[in-house]
């Protein structure tokens, strides 16, 4: 898994890593299955628009 900063480099985004507080601890964020399905659906809609070829796979 890549970090947000690493992904921004791969996508050639102009990402200011100085805005990140690097003194954080990983944590678990509980979410409902309904929230996961909502997020999945939302991201798939964006993918269909932005990269139809990848959406089909």
Protein backbone atom coordinates (compact mmCIF):
# COMPACT_ATOMS: atom_id res chain seq x y z
CA UNK A 1 0.00 0.00 0.00
CA UNK A 2 1.29 3.41 -0.85
CA UNK A 3 0.95 6.54 1.19
CA UNK A 4 -0.99 9.57 0.02
CA UNK A 5 2.28 11.37 -0.65
CA UNK A 6 3.74 8.47 -2.66
CA UNK A 7 0.54 8.20 -4.68
CA UNK A 8 0.63 11.94 -5.39
CA UNK A 9 4.11 11.55 -6.88
CA UNK A 10 2.96 8.64 -9.07
CA UNK A 11 0.08 10.77 -10.36
CA UNK A 12 2.30 13.83 -10.86
CA UNK A 13 0.33 15.93 -8.37
CA UNK A 14 1.77 19.03 -6.75
CA UNK A 15 1.53 17.80 -3.14
CA UNK A 16 3.04 19.77 -0.25
CA UNK A 17 4.27 17.11 2.21
CA UNK A 18 5.10 19.88 4.72
CA UNK A 19 1.36 20.13 5.43
CA UNK A 20 1.33 16.60 6.87
CA UNK A 21 1.90 16.02 10.56
CA UNK A 22 4.27 13.04 10.34
CA UNK A 23 4.05 12.41 14.12
CA UNK A 24 0.93 10.29 13.92
CA UNK A 25 0.08 6.76 14.99
CA UNK A 26 -1.83 4.33 12.77
CA UNK A 27 -5.29 3.65 14.09
CA UNK A 28 -8.40 1.67 13.24
CA UNK A 29 -11.44 3.66 12.22
CA UNK A 30 -14.66 1.68 12.64
CA UNK A 31 -17.17 2.10 9.80
CA UNK A 32 -20.43 0.43 8.83
CA UNK A 33 -20.87 -1.79 5.78
CA UNK A 34 -23.32 0.83 4.50
CA UNK A 35 -20.58 3.47 4.59
CA UNK A 36 -18.15 1.17 2.80
CA UNK A 37 -20.70 0.47 0.05
CA UNK A 38 -21.46 4.19 -0.29
CA UNK A 39 -17.73 5.00 -0.67
CA UNK A 40 -17.22 2.14 -3.14
CA UNK A 41 -20.14 3.30 -5.28
CA UNK A 42 -18.92 6.91 -5.17
CA UNK A 43 -15.39 5.95 -6.22
CA UNK A 44 -16.62 3.69 -9.02
CA UNK A 45 -18.70 6.55 -10.45
CA UNK A 46 -15.60 8.76 -10.46
CA UNK A 47 -13.51 5.99 -12.04
CA UNK A 48 -16.08 5.44 -14.80
CA UNK A 49 -15.77 9.11 -15.75
CA UNK A 50 -12.01 9.51 -15.32
CA UNK A 51 -10.73 6.17 -16.63
CA UNK A 52 -13.39 4.13 -18.47
CA UNK A 53 -10.86 1.47 -19.53
CA UNK A 54 -9.82 0.75 -15.96
CA UNK A 55 -13.47 0.83 -14.89
CA UNK A 56 -14.29 -2.02 -17.29
CA UNK A 57 -11.58 -4.22 -15.77
